[in-house]
N, C-alpha and C. Protein backbone atom coordinates (compact mmCIF):
# COMPACT_ATOMS: atom_id res chain seq x y z
N MET A 1 4.49 56.18 1.08
CA MET A 1 5.66 55.40 0.68
C MET A 1 6.23 54.63 1.87
N GLU A 2 6.19 55.26 3.05
CA GLU A 2 6.71 54.58 4.24
C GLU A 2 5.88 53.34 4.56
N VAL A 3 4.57 53.47 4.37
CA VAL A 3 3.68 52.34 4.64
C VAL A 3 3.97 51.20 3.68
N VAL A 4 4.13 51.54 2.40
CA VAL A 4 4.45 50.54 1.38
C VAL A 4 5.78 49.87 1.71
N GLY A 5 6.75 50.68 2.17
CA GLY A 5 8.05 50.14 2.54
C GLY A 5 7.94 49.16 3.70
N LEU A 6 7.05 49.46 4.67
CA LEU A 6 6.83 48.58 5.80
C LEU A 6 6.29 47.23 5.34
N TYR A 7 5.33 47.26 4.42
CA TYR A 7 4.76 46.01 3.91
C TYR A 7 5.79 45.20 3.15
N TRP A 8 6.63 45.88 2.38
CA TRP A 8 7.67 45.17 1.64
C TRP A 8 8.66 44.52 2.59
N LEU A 9 8.98 45.18 3.69
CA LEU A 9 9.89 44.63 4.69
C LEU A 9 9.28 43.39 5.32
N GLU A 10 7.99 43.48 5.64
CA GLU A 10 7.28 42.32 6.19
C GLU A 10 7.30 41.16 5.20
N PHE A 11 7.01 41.49 3.96
CA PHE A 11 6.95 40.46 2.92
C PHE A 11 8.30 39.76 2.76
N LEU A 12 9.38 40.53 2.69
CA LEU A 12 10.70 39.95 2.51
C LEU A 12 11.09 39.08 3.72
N THR A 13 10.68 39.52 4.92
CA THR A 13 10.95 38.73 6.12
C THR A 13 10.22 37.41 6.07
N ILE A 14 8.93 37.47 5.72
CA ILE A 14 8.12 36.26 5.62
C ILE A 14 8.66 35.33 4.54
N ALA A 15 9.04 35.90 3.40
CA ALA A 15 9.55 35.10 2.29
C ALA A 15 10.84 34.39 2.67
N ALA A 16 11.71 35.07 3.40
CA ALA A 16 12.99 34.47 3.81
C ALA A 16 12.77 33.33 4.80
N VAL A 17 11.92 33.58 5.80
CA VAL A 17 11.63 32.55 6.80
C VAL A 17 10.95 31.35 6.15
N HIS A 18 10.03 31.63 5.24
CA HIS A 18 9.31 30.57 4.56
C HIS A 18 10.26 29.71 3.73
N LEU A 19 11.22 30.33 3.06
CA LEU A 19 12.18 29.60 2.25
C LEU A 19 12.96 28.60 3.09
N LEU A 20 13.38 29.04 4.26
CA LEU A 20 14.12 28.15 5.16
C LEU A 20 13.23 27.01 5.64
N ALA A 21 11.97 27.32 5.95
CA ALA A 21 11.06 26.32 6.47
C ALA A 21 10.68 25.28 5.43
N VAL A 22 10.38 25.73 4.21
CA VAL A 22 9.90 24.82 3.17
C VAL A 22 11.03 23.94 2.65
N ALA A 23 12.28 24.42 2.76
CA ALA A 23 13.42 23.66 2.26
C ALA A 23 13.87 22.59 3.25
N SER A 24 13.43 22.69 4.51
CA SER A 24 13.85 21.70 5.51
C SER A 24 13.04 20.42 5.36
N PRO A 25 13.69 19.26 5.54
CA PRO A 25 12.99 17.97 5.39
C PRO A 25 11.84 17.83 6.38
N GLY A 26 10.75 17.26 5.92
CA GLY A 26 9.58 17.04 6.75
C GLY A 26 8.61 16.13 6.02
N PRO A 27 7.39 15.99 6.55
CA PRO A 27 6.40 15.11 5.90
C PRO A 27 6.12 15.47 4.45
N ASP A 28 6.03 16.77 4.14
CA ASP A 28 5.75 17.20 2.77
C ASP A 28 6.86 16.73 1.83
N PHE A 29 8.10 16.97 2.25
CA PHE A 29 9.25 16.57 1.43
C PHE A 29 9.27 15.06 1.23
N ALA A 30 9.01 14.32 2.31
CA ALA A 30 9.07 12.87 2.24
C ALA A 30 8.01 12.31 1.28
N ILE A 31 6.81 12.85 1.33
CA ILE A 31 5.74 12.32 0.49
C ILE A 31 5.95 12.69 -0.97
N VAL A 32 6.48 13.89 -1.23
CA VAL A 32 6.78 14.29 -2.61
C VAL A 32 7.91 13.44 -3.17
N LEU A 33 8.91 13.19 -2.37
CA LEU A 33 10.03 12.35 -2.79
C LEU A 33 9.55 10.93 -3.11
N ARG A 34 8.69 10.41 -2.25
CA ARG A 34 8.18 9.06 -2.48
C ARG A 34 7.34 8.98 -3.75
N HIS A 35 6.44 9.92 -3.94
CA HIS A 35 5.58 9.91 -5.12
C HIS A 35 6.36 10.14 -6.40
N SER A 36 7.42 10.96 -6.32
CA SER A 36 8.24 11.23 -7.50
C SER A 36 8.91 9.96 -8.00
N ILE A 37 9.46 9.19 -7.08
CA ILE A 37 10.18 7.97 -7.45
C ILE A 37 9.22 6.82 -7.75
N ARG A 38 8.19 6.70 -6.91
CA ARG A 38 7.31 5.54 -6.98
C ARG A 38 6.24 5.68 -8.07
N HIS A 39 5.66 6.87 -8.20
CA HIS A 39 4.52 7.03 -9.08
C HIS A 39 4.77 7.92 -10.29
N GLY A 40 5.89 8.64 -10.29
CA GLY A 40 6.20 9.45 -11.46
C GLY A 40 5.87 10.92 -11.30
N ARG A 41 6.21 11.65 -12.35
CA ARG A 41 6.12 13.11 -12.32
C ARG A 41 4.70 13.64 -12.14
N ARG A 42 3.74 13.07 -12.87
CA ARG A 42 2.37 13.59 -12.81
C ARG A 42 1.80 13.50 -11.40
N ALA A 43 1.96 12.33 -10.77
CA ALA A 43 1.45 12.15 -9.41
C ALA A 43 2.15 13.10 -8.44
N ALA A 44 3.46 13.26 -8.59
CA ALA A 44 4.22 14.14 -7.70
C ALA A 44 3.78 15.59 -7.86
N MET A 45 3.48 15.98 -9.10
CA MET A 45 3.02 17.34 -9.35
C MET A 45 1.68 17.61 -8.67
N TYR A 46 0.76 16.68 -8.80
CA TYR A 46 -0.55 16.84 -8.16
C TYR A 46 -0.41 16.84 -6.64
N THR A 47 0.51 16.04 -6.13
CA THR A 47 0.77 16.03 -4.69
C THR A 47 1.30 17.39 -4.25
N SER A 48 2.20 17.97 -5.03
CA SER A 48 2.77 19.28 -4.72
C SER A 48 1.72 20.37 -4.74
N ILE A 49 0.80 20.30 -5.71
CA ILE A 49 -0.29 21.28 -5.77
C ILE A 49 -1.18 21.14 -4.54
N GLY A 50 -1.42 19.90 -4.12
CA GLY A 50 -2.21 19.66 -2.92
C GLY A 50 -1.55 20.26 -1.68
N ILE A 51 -0.23 20.15 -1.61
CA ILE A 51 0.51 20.74 -0.48
C ILE A 51 0.36 22.26 -0.50
N GLY A 52 0.47 22.85 -1.69
CA GLY A 52 0.30 24.30 -1.80
C GLY A 52 -1.08 24.76 -1.36
N VAL A 53 -2.12 24.02 -1.76
CA VAL A 53 -3.49 24.35 -1.34
C VAL A 53 -3.64 24.15 0.16
N GLY A 54 -2.95 23.13 0.70
CA GLY A 54 -3.00 22.88 2.14
C GLY A 54 -2.51 24.08 2.94
N ILE A 55 -1.56 24.82 2.37
CA ILE A 55 -1.05 26.01 3.04
C ILE A 55 -2.18 27.01 3.30
N LEU A 56 -3.13 27.08 2.37
CA LEU A 56 -4.24 28.01 2.51
C LEU A 56 -5.08 27.70 3.75
N ILE A 57 -5.13 26.44 4.14
CA ILE A 57 -5.87 26.06 5.35
C ILE A 57 -5.26 26.75 6.56
N HIS A 58 -3.93 26.70 6.66
CA HIS A 58 -3.24 27.34 7.78
C HIS A 58 -3.39 28.86 7.71
N VAL A 59 -3.35 29.39 6.51
CA VAL A 59 -3.49 30.84 6.34
C VAL A 59 -4.87 31.31 6.82
N VAL A 60 -5.91 30.58 6.43
CA VAL A 60 -7.28 30.98 6.77
C VAL A 60 -7.50 30.99 8.28
N TYR A 61 -7.11 29.89 8.97
CA TYR A 61 -7.40 29.89 10.41
C TYR A 61 -6.48 30.85 11.17
N SER A 62 -5.31 31.14 10.59
CA SER A 62 -4.43 32.13 11.24
C SER A 62 -5.04 33.52 11.12
N LEU A 63 -5.57 33.85 9.95
CA LEU A 63 -6.18 35.16 9.74
C LEU A 63 -7.46 35.32 10.54
N LEU A 64 -8.20 34.23 10.73
CA LEU A 64 -9.46 34.31 11.46
C LEU A 64 -9.27 34.23 12.98
N GLY A 65 -8.03 33.97 13.41
CA GLY A 65 -7.77 33.89 14.83
C GLY A 65 -8.02 32.52 15.41
N ILE A 66 -8.44 31.56 14.58
CA ILE A 66 -8.70 30.21 15.07
C ILE A 66 -7.39 29.54 15.50
N GLY A 67 -6.31 29.90 14.80
CA GLY A 67 -5.01 29.32 15.14
C GLY A 67 -4.61 29.62 16.57
N LEU A 68 -4.93 30.83 17.04
CA LEU A 68 -4.61 31.21 18.42
C LEU A 68 -5.38 30.35 19.40
N VAL A 69 -6.61 30.02 19.06
CA VAL A 69 -7.42 29.14 19.90
C VAL A 69 -6.79 27.76 19.99
N ILE A 70 -6.32 27.26 18.84
CA ILE A 70 -5.67 25.95 18.81
C ILE A 70 -4.42 25.95 19.68
N LYS A 71 -3.63 27.03 19.55
CA LYS A 71 -2.37 27.11 20.28
C LYS A 71 -2.59 27.22 21.79
N THR A 72 -3.63 27.94 22.21
CA THR A 72 -3.87 28.17 23.63
C THR A 72 -4.78 27.11 24.25
N THR A 73 -5.16 26.10 23.46
CA THR A 73 -5.97 24.99 23.99
C THR A 73 -5.16 23.71 23.85
N PRO A 74 -4.44 23.33 24.90
CA PRO A 74 -3.51 22.19 24.83
C PRO A 74 -4.13 20.90 24.30
N TRP A 75 -5.33 20.57 24.78
CA TRP A 75 -5.92 19.29 24.37
C TRP A 75 -6.27 19.30 22.88
N LEU A 76 -6.64 20.48 22.36
CA LEU A 76 -7.00 20.59 20.95
C LEU A 76 -5.76 20.44 20.07
N PHE A 77 -4.67 21.08 20.50
CA PHE A 77 -3.43 20.96 19.75
C PHE A 77 -2.90 19.54 19.82
N SER A 78 -3.03 18.90 20.99
CA SER A 78 -2.59 17.51 21.14
C SER A 78 -3.40 16.60 20.24
N ALA A 79 -4.71 16.84 20.17
CA ALA A 79 -5.57 16.03 19.31
C ALA A 79 -5.14 16.16 17.85
N LEU A 80 -4.85 17.38 17.42
CA LEU A 80 -4.38 17.61 16.06
C LEU A 80 -3.08 16.87 15.81
N THR A 81 -2.19 16.91 16.81
CA THR A 81 -0.89 16.24 16.68
C THR A 81 -1.07 14.73 16.53
N TYR A 82 -1.95 14.14 17.34
CA TYR A 82 -2.15 12.69 17.27
C TYR A 82 -2.82 12.26 15.96
N VAL A 83 -3.73 13.09 15.48
CA VAL A 83 -4.36 12.78 14.19
C VAL A 83 -3.32 12.82 13.08
N ALA A 84 -2.46 13.84 13.10
CA ALA A 84 -1.40 13.95 12.11
C ALA A 84 -0.44 12.76 12.20
N ALA A 85 -0.08 12.38 13.42
CA ALA A 85 0.83 11.25 13.61
C ALA A 85 0.20 9.95 13.10
N ALA A 86 -1.10 9.78 13.37
CA ALA A 86 -1.79 8.57 12.91
C ALA A 86 -1.82 8.50 11.39
N TYR A 87 -2.02 9.66 10.76
CA TYR A 87 -2.04 9.70 9.29
C TYR A 87 -0.67 9.36 8.72
N LEU A 88 0.39 9.93 9.29
CA LEU A 88 1.73 9.63 8.82
C LEU A 88 2.09 8.16 9.04
N LEU A 89 1.63 7.61 10.16
CA LEU A 89 1.85 6.18 10.41
C LEU A 89 1.15 5.33 9.36
N PHE A 90 -0.04 5.74 8.98
CA PHE A 90 -0.83 5.00 8.00
C PHE A 90 -0.12 4.94 6.65
N ILE A 91 0.27 6.11 6.12
CA ILE A 91 0.91 6.11 4.81
C ILE A 91 2.33 5.54 4.91
N GLY A 92 2.96 5.69 6.07
CA GLY A 92 4.29 5.11 6.27
C GLY A 92 4.22 3.59 6.27
N TRP A 93 3.20 3.05 6.92
CA TRP A 93 3.01 1.59 6.97
C TRP A 93 2.72 1.04 5.59
N GLN A 94 1.95 1.76 4.80
CA GLN A 94 1.68 1.33 3.43
C GLN A 94 2.97 1.26 2.62
N ALA A 95 3.84 2.24 2.82
CA ALA A 95 5.11 2.25 2.09
C ALA A 95 6.03 1.13 2.56
N LEU A 96 6.02 0.85 3.85
CA LEU A 96 6.85 -0.22 4.40
C LEU A 96 6.45 -1.59 3.84
N ARG A 97 5.19 -1.73 3.46
CA ARG A 97 4.69 -3.00 2.95
C ARG A 97 4.87 -3.14 1.44
N SER A 98 5.58 -2.21 0.82
CA SER A 98 5.80 -2.26 -0.62
C SER A 98 6.52 -3.55 -1.00
N ALA A 99 5.99 -4.23 -2.00
CA ALA A 99 6.55 -5.50 -2.44
C ALA A 99 7.30 -5.32 -3.75
N PRO A 100 8.19 -6.25 -4.09
CA PRO A 100 8.88 -6.19 -5.39
C PRO A 100 7.87 -6.23 -6.52
N PRO A 101 8.16 -5.59 -7.65
CA PRO A 101 7.22 -5.58 -8.78
C PRO A 101 6.99 -6.98 -9.31
N ALA A 102 5.72 -7.28 -9.60
CA ALA A 102 5.40 -8.59 -10.17
C ALA A 102 5.91 -8.66 -11.59
N ARG A 103 6.17 -9.86 -12.06
CA ARG A 103 6.70 -10.03 -13.41
C ARG A 103 5.75 -10.90 -14.22
N SER A 104 5.60 -10.53 -15.47
CA SER A 104 4.81 -11.36 -16.38
C SER A 104 5.57 -11.47 -17.68
N THR A 105 5.29 -12.47 -18.46
CA THR A 105 6.04 -12.71 -19.69
C THR A 105 5.14 -12.54 -20.89
N THR A 106 5.63 -11.82 -21.89
CA THR A 106 4.90 -11.63 -23.14
C THR A 106 5.78 -12.13 -24.27
N GLU A 107 5.32 -11.98 -25.51
CA GLU A 107 6.09 -12.43 -26.65
C GLU A 107 7.39 -11.64 -26.78
N GLU A 108 7.41 -10.44 -26.22
CA GLU A 108 8.59 -9.61 -26.32
C GLU A 108 9.57 -9.86 -25.18
N GLY A 109 9.21 -10.75 -24.26
CA GLY A 109 10.10 -11.08 -23.16
C GLY A 109 9.52 -10.65 -21.83
N PRO A 110 10.32 -10.72 -20.76
CA PRO A 110 9.86 -10.38 -19.42
C PRO A 110 9.44 -8.92 -19.31
N VAL A 111 8.34 -8.69 -18.64
CA VAL A 111 7.85 -7.34 -18.41
C VAL A 111 7.54 -7.19 -16.94
N THR A 112 7.94 -6.08 -16.37
CA THR A 112 7.63 -5.83 -14.96
C THR A 112 6.47 -4.87 -14.87
N HIS A 113 5.64 -5.06 -13.89
CA HIS A 113 4.55 -4.12 -13.65
C HIS A 113 4.22 -4.13 -12.19
N ASP A 114 3.72 -3.03 -11.74
CA ASP A 114 3.41 -2.86 -10.31
C ASP A 114 2.10 -2.13 -10.19
N SER A 115 1.10 -2.80 -9.67
CA SER A 115 -0.24 -2.21 -9.56
C SER A 115 -0.25 -1.04 -8.59
N VAL A 116 0.76 -1.00 -7.68
CA VAL A 116 0.79 0.08 -6.70
C VAL A 116 1.03 1.42 -7.39
N ASP A 117 1.63 1.39 -8.60
CA ASP A 117 1.98 2.62 -9.29
C ASP A 117 0.76 3.38 -9.79
N LYS A 118 -0.41 2.77 -9.75
CA LYS A 118 -1.62 3.42 -10.24
C LYS A 118 -2.18 4.33 -9.16
N LEU A 119 -1.78 5.58 -9.23
CA LEU A 119 -2.26 6.58 -8.28
C LEU A 119 -2.98 7.66 -9.07
N THR A 120 -4.27 7.84 -8.77
CA THR A 120 -5.06 8.81 -9.52
C THR A 120 -4.63 10.23 -9.16
N ASP A 121 -4.94 11.18 -10.06
CA ASP A 121 -4.61 12.58 -9.81
C ASP A 121 -5.31 13.08 -8.55
N ARG A 122 -6.55 12.68 -8.38
CA ARG A 122 -7.34 13.12 -7.24
C ARG A 122 -6.72 12.62 -5.92
N LYS A 123 -6.33 11.35 -5.91
CA LYS A 123 -5.74 10.80 -4.69
C LYS A 123 -4.40 11.45 -4.39
N ALA A 124 -3.59 11.67 -5.43
CA ALA A 124 -2.30 12.32 -5.23
C ALA A 124 -2.48 13.72 -4.65
N PHE A 125 -3.46 14.46 -5.17
CA PHE A 125 -3.76 15.80 -4.67
C PHE A 125 -4.20 15.76 -3.22
N LEU A 126 -5.09 14.82 -2.89
CA LEU A 126 -5.61 14.72 -1.53
C LEU A 126 -4.53 14.33 -0.53
N VAL A 127 -3.61 13.46 -0.95
CA VAL A 127 -2.51 13.07 -0.07
C VAL A 127 -1.67 14.30 0.28
N GLY A 128 -1.36 15.12 -0.72
CA GLY A 128 -0.60 16.33 -0.46
C GLY A 128 -1.36 17.31 0.43
N LEU A 129 -2.66 17.47 0.14
CA LEU A 129 -3.50 18.38 0.91
C LEU A 129 -3.58 17.97 2.37
N VAL A 130 -3.87 16.71 2.62
CA VAL A 130 -4.03 16.23 4.00
C VAL A 130 -2.69 16.22 4.73
N THR A 131 -1.62 15.81 4.04
CA THR A 131 -0.30 15.77 4.68
C THR A 131 0.10 17.13 5.20
N ASN A 132 -0.11 18.16 4.40
CA ASN A 132 0.23 19.52 4.84
C ASN A 132 -0.80 20.08 5.80
N GLY A 133 -2.07 19.86 5.51
CA GLY A 133 -3.14 20.41 6.35
C GLY A 133 -3.11 19.92 7.78
N LEU A 134 -2.62 18.68 7.99
CA LEU A 134 -2.59 18.11 9.33
C LEU A 134 -1.24 18.29 10.02
N ASN A 135 -0.33 18.96 9.36
CA ASN A 135 1.02 19.11 9.91
C ASN A 135 1.04 20.15 11.03
N PRO A 136 1.18 19.73 12.29
CA PRO A 136 1.17 20.70 13.39
C PRO A 136 2.36 21.65 13.36
N LYS A 137 3.46 21.23 12.71
CA LYS A 137 4.60 22.14 12.59
C LYS A 137 4.24 23.33 11.70
N ALA A 138 3.43 23.06 10.68
CA ALA A 138 2.97 24.14 9.82
C ALA A 138 2.06 25.08 10.62
N THR A 139 1.27 24.50 11.51
CA THR A 139 0.40 25.31 12.37
C THR A 139 1.22 26.29 13.19
N LEU A 140 2.26 25.77 13.85
CA LEU A 140 3.11 26.62 14.67
C LEU A 140 3.85 27.66 13.83
N PHE A 141 4.25 27.26 12.62
CA PHE A 141 4.97 28.18 11.74
C PHE A 141 4.10 29.39 11.40
N PHE A 142 2.87 29.13 10.99
CA PHE A 142 2.00 30.23 10.58
C PHE A 142 1.56 31.08 11.77
N LEU A 143 1.38 30.45 12.92
CA LEU A 143 1.05 31.24 14.11
C LEU A 143 2.20 32.18 14.45
N SER A 144 3.43 31.68 14.33
CA SER A 144 4.60 32.49 14.63
C SER A 144 4.76 33.62 13.62
N VAL A 145 4.58 33.30 12.35
CA VAL A 145 4.74 34.30 11.29
C VAL A 145 3.76 35.44 11.44
N PHE A 146 2.47 35.08 11.60
CA PHE A 146 1.45 36.13 11.67
C PHE A 146 1.43 36.85 13.02
N ALA A 147 2.06 36.24 14.03
CA ALA A 147 2.09 36.90 15.34
C ALA A 147 3.34 37.74 15.54
N VAL A 148 4.44 37.34 14.92
CA VAL A 148 5.72 38.01 15.14
C VAL A 148 6.14 38.89 13.95
N ALA A 149 6.11 38.31 12.75
CA ALA A 149 6.63 39.02 11.58
C ALA A 149 5.65 40.03 11.00
N VAL A 150 4.36 39.82 11.27
CA VAL A 150 3.34 40.70 10.69
C VAL A 150 2.78 41.63 11.77
N SER A 151 2.74 42.90 11.45
CA SER A 151 2.24 43.89 12.41
C SER A 151 0.72 43.78 12.56
N PRO A 152 0.20 44.00 13.76
CA PRO A 152 -1.26 43.96 13.97
C PRO A 152 -1.99 45.01 13.13
N GLU A 153 -1.27 46.08 12.77
CA GLU A 153 -1.88 47.15 11.99
C GLU A 153 -1.92 46.84 10.49
N THR A 154 -1.28 45.75 10.08
CA THR A 154 -1.28 45.40 8.66
C THR A 154 -2.70 45.05 8.22
N PRO A 155 -3.20 45.66 7.16
CA PRO A 155 -4.57 45.40 6.69
C PRO A 155 -4.81 43.92 6.38
N PHE A 156 -6.04 43.50 6.54
CA PHE A 156 -6.42 42.11 6.28
C PHE A 156 -6.11 41.70 4.85
N VAL A 157 -6.33 42.62 3.92
CA VAL A 157 -6.08 42.34 2.50
C VAL A 157 -4.60 42.03 2.26
N VAL A 158 -3.74 42.80 2.91
CA VAL A 158 -2.30 42.58 2.75
C VAL A 158 -1.90 41.24 3.36
N LYS A 159 -2.45 40.94 4.53
CA LYS A 159 -2.16 39.65 5.17
C LYS A 159 -2.62 38.49 4.27
N SER A 160 -3.78 38.67 3.65
CA SER A 160 -4.29 37.64 2.74
C SER A 160 -3.35 37.46 1.56
N ALA A 161 -2.79 38.58 1.07
CA ALA A 161 -1.84 38.51 -0.04
C ALA A 161 -0.59 37.75 0.38
N TYR A 162 -0.14 37.97 1.61
CA TYR A 162 0.99 37.20 2.13
C TYR A 162 0.67 35.70 2.08
N GLY A 163 -0.52 35.36 2.53
CA GLY A 163 -0.92 33.96 2.57
C GLY A 163 -0.98 33.32 1.19
N VAL A 164 -1.52 34.05 0.23
CA VAL A 164 -1.59 33.55 -1.15
C VAL A 164 -0.18 33.32 -1.69
N TYR A 165 0.71 34.24 -1.39
CA TYR A 165 2.10 34.06 -1.84
C TYR A 165 2.70 32.80 -1.23
N LEU A 166 2.51 32.59 0.07
CA LEU A 166 3.08 31.43 0.74
C LEU A 166 2.56 30.12 0.13
N ALA A 167 1.27 30.09 -0.20
CA ALA A 167 0.69 28.90 -0.82
C ALA A 167 1.28 28.69 -2.21
N PHE A 168 1.37 29.77 -2.99
CA PHE A 168 1.90 29.69 -4.34
C PHE A 168 3.37 29.28 -4.33
N ALA A 169 4.15 29.92 -3.46
CA ALA A 169 5.58 29.62 -3.38
C ALA A 169 5.83 28.19 -2.96
N THR A 170 5.02 27.69 -2.03
CA THR A 170 5.17 26.30 -1.58
C THR A 170 4.87 25.34 -2.73
N GLY A 171 3.78 25.60 -3.45
CA GLY A 171 3.42 24.75 -4.58
C GLY A 171 4.50 24.74 -5.65
N VAL A 172 5.04 25.92 -5.95
CA VAL A 172 6.10 26.03 -6.97
C VAL A 172 7.35 25.28 -6.53
N TRP A 173 7.71 25.44 -5.24
CA TRP A 173 8.90 24.76 -4.72
C TRP A 173 8.78 23.25 -4.88
N PHE A 174 7.67 22.69 -4.46
CA PHE A 174 7.52 21.23 -4.52
C PHE A 174 7.30 20.73 -5.94
N CYS A 175 6.68 21.53 -6.79
CA CYS A 175 6.54 21.15 -8.20
C CYS A 175 7.91 21.09 -8.87
N THR A 176 8.75 22.07 -8.55
CA THR A 176 10.11 22.07 -9.08
C THR A 176 10.89 20.87 -8.58
N LEU A 177 10.71 20.57 -7.29
CA LEU A 177 11.36 19.41 -6.69
C LEU A 177 10.88 18.13 -7.37
N SER A 178 9.57 18.06 -7.61
CA SER A 178 9.00 16.89 -8.27
C SER A 178 9.57 16.70 -9.66
N TRP A 179 9.75 17.81 -10.36
CA TRP A 179 10.25 17.75 -11.73
C TRP A 179 11.64 17.10 -11.79
N PHE A 180 12.50 17.50 -10.87
CA PHE A 180 13.86 16.96 -10.86
C PHE A 180 13.91 15.54 -10.30
N LEU A 181 13.16 15.29 -9.24
CA LEU A 181 13.20 13.97 -8.61
C LEU A 181 12.58 12.88 -9.48
N SER A 182 11.64 13.28 -10.34
CA SER A 182 10.97 12.29 -11.20
C SER A 182 11.63 12.16 -12.56
N ALA A 183 12.79 12.79 -12.73
CA ALA A 183 13.51 12.68 -14.00
C ALA A 183 13.83 11.23 -14.29
N GLN A 184 13.88 10.88 -15.56
CA GLN A 184 14.09 9.49 -15.96
C GLN A 184 15.41 8.94 -15.42
N ARG A 185 16.43 9.78 -15.36
CA ARG A 185 17.73 9.33 -14.86
C ARG A 185 17.63 8.88 -13.41
N VAL A 186 16.89 9.66 -12.61
CA VAL A 186 16.74 9.33 -11.19
C VAL A 186 15.96 8.04 -11.03
N ARG A 187 14.84 7.93 -11.75
CA ARG A 187 14.01 6.73 -11.64
C ARG A 187 14.73 5.52 -12.20
N SER A 188 15.51 5.69 -13.25
CA SER A 188 16.27 4.58 -13.83
C SER A 188 17.37 4.13 -12.87
N PHE A 189 17.95 5.09 -12.15
CA PHE A 189 19.00 4.75 -11.19
C PHE A 189 18.43 3.87 -10.08
N ILE A 190 17.23 4.22 -9.63
CA ILE A 190 16.58 3.40 -8.60
C ILE A 190 16.24 2.02 -9.17
N GLY A 191 15.69 2.05 -10.42
CA GLY A 191 15.42 0.82 -11.14
C GLY A 191 14.46 -0.13 -10.44
N LYS A 192 14.78 -1.43 -10.56
CA LYS A 192 13.90 -2.46 -10.03
C LYS A 192 13.92 -2.55 -8.50
N LYS A 193 14.84 -1.84 -7.88
CA LYS A 193 14.93 -1.85 -6.42
C LYS A 193 14.15 -0.67 -5.81
N GLY A 194 13.24 -0.10 -6.58
CA GLY A 194 12.48 1.03 -6.11
C GLY A 194 11.65 0.74 -4.87
N TYR A 195 11.25 -0.52 -4.71
CA TYR A 195 10.42 -0.86 -3.55
C TYR A 195 11.23 -0.73 -2.26
N TRP A 196 12.56 -0.89 -2.33
CA TRP A 196 13.39 -0.67 -1.15
C TRP A 196 13.43 0.81 -0.79
N PHE A 197 13.48 1.66 -1.81
CA PHE A 197 13.42 3.10 -1.58
C PHE A 197 12.09 3.45 -0.95
N ASP A 198 11.02 2.83 -1.42
CA ASP A 198 9.69 3.06 -0.88
C ASP A 198 9.65 2.69 0.60
N ARG A 199 10.28 1.60 0.94
CA ARG A 199 10.32 1.16 2.33
C ARG A 199 11.10 2.14 3.21
N VAL A 200 12.18 2.67 2.66
CA VAL A 200 12.97 3.66 3.40
C VAL A 200 12.13 4.91 3.67
N MET A 201 11.39 5.36 2.64
CA MET A 201 10.52 6.52 2.81
C MET A 201 9.42 6.22 3.84
N GLY A 202 8.96 4.97 3.85
CA GLY A 202 7.96 4.57 4.84
C GLY A 202 8.52 4.67 6.25
N ALA A 203 9.77 4.24 6.41
CA ALA A 203 10.42 4.32 7.72
C ALA A 203 10.60 5.77 8.15
N VAL A 204 10.91 6.64 7.18
CA VAL A 204 11.06 8.07 7.47
C VAL A 204 9.74 8.66 7.95
N LEU A 205 8.65 8.30 7.27
CA LEU A 205 7.33 8.81 7.64
C LEU A 205 6.92 8.31 9.02
N VAL A 206 7.21 7.06 9.32
CA VAL A 206 6.90 6.51 10.65
C VAL A 206 7.72 7.24 11.71
N ALA A 207 9.00 7.48 11.42
CA ALA A 207 9.87 8.19 12.36
C ALA A 207 9.35 9.61 12.61
N LEU A 208 8.87 10.27 11.56
CA LEU A 208 8.32 11.62 11.70
C LEU A 208 7.06 11.59 12.58
N ALA A 209 6.24 10.54 12.42
CA ALA A 209 5.03 10.40 13.24
C ALA A 209 5.39 10.23 14.71
N VAL A 210 6.38 9.39 14.97
CA VAL A 210 6.82 9.16 16.35
C VAL A 210 7.39 10.44 16.95
N LYS A 211 8.17 11.17 16.13
CA LYS A 211 8.77 12.41 16.60
C LYS A 211 7.70 13.44 16.95
N LEU A 212 6.62 13.47 16.15
CA LEU A 212 5.53 14.40 16.45
C LEU A 212 4.94 14.15 17.82
N VAL A 213 4.71 12.87 18.12
CA VAL A 213 4.09 12.51 19.39
C VAL A 213 5.03 12.78 20.56
N ILE A 214 6.30 12.40 20.39
CA ILE A 214 7.28 12.59 21.46
C ILE A 214 7.52 14.07 21.74
N THR A 215 7.64 14.85 20.64
CA THR A 215 7.90 16.29 20.80
C THR A 215 6.72 17.00 21.44
């Protein structure tokens, strides 16, 4: 019973720290917010699932000890940081270039359409996966969690269960966020000026990329 109690204490500690980390604004939040407003609920949901799966990448290398190698090899961690920054700059630049929706006229009157809104499920998933997988802050978070909050004596199976929970909880959090952010009221409020919101999100992503490099 004492052993079980120890694992529950570890789990509650990890869950609390994870809640604070996942709720703080970052690249994952920015991309989910952008997809929710720009592309709608379905795309945002797939992006959120991709972010959740991306968590498993950090869990795997942390459990295998590869994360420690990354942390203790400055040039490797720097390379990861620059790759992540370049990726954020890329998607941020795409958002900054968002143009007003084109207009066409039919028998029923003016109709707006925007070809940028066509985001496949696969692409939305991959954007979420890569955004989280390349996030060096997530790397440091998982290294800290498994090095500080988890005892070295904790069985591998239990550690794996912790990791599965973190991936699941992250996916659920962002899916819930996507559900509310993609509500019709929110998208209607943004309306035809959605491309300005897209540009703002692009600026946020670029700022996050710069911050990664500077930090």
